[in-house]
Amino acid sequence: MTKSIQTKPINRSSTLLALALLVAGASQAMADSAPSMQEKMACRADAQTLCARFIGQPPEMRACLAQNKAKLPTPCREVVEAHGG
């Protein structure tokens, strides 16, 4: 005697929701990742000028740069935005 397993068809909206959550998670992971050396160099002078007291404290440095985003030149502002700021 074998049991048959009945499956329901996958709902399109459920699939889209799962995909949206996956993309959001990947975006958040990118935001949480450490900046590359090139990205650090793009913000080095600005970090020293605007946020010197947070050198060696990455979360506080990111917050400081995000708070000063309007004062940042385009390359550094793009780095801050890419990392969730």
C-alpha atoms as a PDB file:
ATOM      1  CA  MET A   1       0.000   0.000   0.000  1.00  0.00           C
ATOM      2  CA  THR A   2       1.514   3.295  -1.043  1.00  0.00           C
ATOM      3  CA  LYS A   3       0.355   6.717  -0.051  1.00  0.00           C
ATOM      4  CA  SER A   4       0.136   9.356  -2.668  1.00  0.00           C
ATOM      5  CA  ILE A   5       1.289  12.798  -1.688  1.00  0.00           C
ATOM      6  CA  GLN A   6      -0.870  15.566  -2.965  1.00  0.00           C
ATOM      7  CA  THR A   7       0.858  18.827  -3.720  1.00  0.00           C
ATOM      8  CA  LYS A   8      -0.644  22.195  -4.347  1.00  0.00           C
ATOM      9  CA  PRO A   9       0.509  24.247  -7.312  1.00  0.00           C
ATOM     10  CA  ILE A  10       2.874  27.031  -6.327  1.00  0.00           C
ATOM     11  CA  ASN A  11       1.074  30.333  -6.123  1.00  0.00           C
ATOM     12  CA  ARG A  12       2.698  32.984  -8.324  1.00  0.00           C
ATOM     13  CA  SER A  13       2.383  35.679  -5.636  1.00  0.00           C
ATOM     14  CA  SER A  14       4.105  33.383  -3.122  1.00  0.00           C
ATOM     15  CA  THR A  15       6.957  32.873  -5.560  1.00  0.00           C
ATOM     16  CA  LEU A  16       7.288  36.616  -6.162  1.00  0.00           C
ATOM     17  CA  LEU A  17       7.225  37.294  -2.421  1.00  0.00           C
ATOM     18  CA  ALA A  18       9.967  34.719  -1.831  1.00  0.00           C
ATOM     19  CA  LEU A  19      12.059  36.257  -4.620  1.00  0.00           C
ATOM     20  CA  ALA A  20      11.571  39.763  -3.200  1.00  0.00           C
ATOM     21  CA  LEU A  21      12.675  38.581   0.246  1.00  0.00           C
ATOM     22  CA  LEU A  22      15.729  36.899  -1.257  1.00  0.00           C
ATOM     23  CA  VAL A  23      16.723  40.077  -3.107  1.00  0.00           C
ATOM     24  CA  ALA A  24      16.140  42.195   0.010  1.00  0.00           C
ATOM     25  CA  GLY A  25      18.300  39.821   2.038  1.00  0.00           C
ATOM     26  CA  ALA A  26      21.070  39.961  -0.544  1.00  0.00           C
ATOM     27  CA  SER A  27      20.881  43.758  -0.582  1.00  0.00           C
ATOM     28  CA  GLN A  28      21.119  43.874   3.202  1.00  0.00           C
ATOM     29  CA  ALA A  29      24.077  41.481   3.130  1.00  0.00           C
ATOM     30  CA  MET A  30      25.830  43.839   0.717  1.00  0.00           C
ATOM     31  CA  ALA A  31      25.064  46.767   2.978  1.00  0.00           C
ATOM     32  CA  ASP A  32      26.451  44.914   5.984  1.00  0.00           C
ATOM     33  CA  SER A  33      29.651  43.802   4.267  1.00  0.00           C
ATOM     34  CA  ALA A  34      32.930  45.557   4.943  1.00  0.00           C
ATOM     35  CA  PRO A  35      34.055  48.095   2.350  1.00  0.00           C
ATOM     36  CA  SER A  36      36.816  47.103  -0.059  1.00  0.00           C
ATOM     37  CA  MET A  37      40.213  48.814   0.034  1.00  0.00           C
ATOM     38  CA  GLN A  38      39.203  50.885  -3.010  1.00  0.00           C
ATOM     39  CA  GLU A  39      36.034  52.008  -1.229  1.00  0.00           C
ATOM     40  CA  LYS A  40      37.993  52.869   1.910  1.00  0.00           C
ATOM     41  CA  MET A  41      40.378  54.976  -0.150  1.00  0.00           C
ATOM     42  CA  ALA A  42      37.429  56.825  -1.735  1.00  0.00           C
ATOM     43  CA  CYS A  43      36.362  57.962   1.746  1.00  0.00           C
ATOM     44  CA  ARG A  44      39.699  58.172   3.550  1.00  0.00           C
ATOM     45  CA  ALA A  45      40.133  61.955   3.521  1.00  0.00           C
ATOM     46  CA  ASP A  46      36.467  62.552   4.349  1.00  0.00           C
ATOM     47  CA  ALA A  47      36.585  60.060   7.209  1.00  0.00           C
ATOM     48  CA  GLN A  48      39.639  61.809   8.643  1.00  0.00           C
ATOM     49  CA  THR A  49      38.079  65.252   8.249  1.00  0.00           C
ATOM     50  CA  LEU A  50      34.493  64.597   9.333  1.00  0.00           C
ATOM     51  CA  CYS A  51      34.678  61.502  11.535  1.00  0.00           C
ATOM     52  CA  ALA A  52      38.214  61.275  12.946  1.00  0.00           C
ATOM     53  CA  ARG A  53      36.995  60.364  16.440  1.00  0.00           C
ATOM     54  CA  PHE A  54      35.527  57.126  15.023  1.00  0.00           C
ATOM     55  CA  ILE A  55      38.688  55.787  13.341  1.00  0.00           C
ATOM     56  CA  GLY A  56      39.030  52.135  14.320  1.00  0.00           C
ATOM     57  CA  GLN A  57      35.307  51.862  15.094  1.00  0.00           C
ATOM     58  CA  PRO A  58      33.681  50.676  11.822  1.00  0.00           C
ATOM     59  CA  PRO A  59      29.990  50.834  12.878  1.00  0.00           C
ATOM     60  CA  GLU A  60      30.381  54.334  14.300  1.00  0.00           C
ATOM     61  CA  MET A  61      32.421  55.441  11.256  1.00  0.00           C
ATOM     62  CA  ARG A  62      29.690  54.207   8.890  1.00  0.00           C
ATOM     63  CA  ALA A  63      27.047  56.042  10.929  1.00  0.00           C
ATOM     64  CA  CYS A  64      29.105  59.244  10.974  1.00  0.00           C
ATOM     65  CA  LEU A  65      29.696  59.153   7.209  1.00  0.00           C
ATOM     66  CA  ALA A  66      25.994  58.462   6.625  1.00  0.00           C
ATOM     67  CA  GLN A  67      25.058  61.445   8.818  1.00  0.00           C
ATOM     68  CA  ASN A  68      27.452  63.628   6.813  1.00  0.00           C
ATOM     69  CA  LYS A  69      26.473  62.219   3.421  1.00  0.00           C
ATOM     70  CA  ALA A  70      25.434  65.628   2.065  1.00  0.00           C
ATOM     71  CA  LYS A  71      28.983  66.903   2.660  1.00  0.00           C
ATOM     72  CA  LEU A  72      30.681  63.979   0.897  1.00  0.00           C
ATOM     73  CA  PRO A  73      32.021  64.083  -2.646  1.00  0.00           C
ATOM     74  CA  THR A  74      30.292  61.777  -5.117  1.00  0.00           C
ATOM     75  CA  PRO A  75      32.732  58.804  -4.933  1.00  0.00           C
ATOM     76  CA  CYS A  76      32.507  58.560  -1.149  1.00  0.00           C
ATOM     77  CA  ARG A  77      28.769  59.232  -1.096  1.00  0.00           C
ATOM     78  CA  GLU A  78      28.266  56.319  -3.530  1.00  0.00           C
ATOM     79  CA  VAL A  79      30.264  54.031  -1.219  1.00  0.00           C
ATOM     80  CA  VAL A  80      28.203  55.101   1.791  1.00  0.00           C
ATOM     81  CA  GLU A  81      24.956  54.534  -0.118  1.00  0.00           C
ATOM     82  CA  ALA A  82      26.131  51.126  -1.379  1.00  0.00           C
ATOM     83  CA  HIS A  83      26.662  50.074   2.228  1.00  0.00           C
ATOM     84  CA  GLY A  84      23.245  51.153   3.460  1.00  0.00           C
ATOM     85  CA  GLY A  85      23.957  54.738   4.441  1.00  0.00           C
END
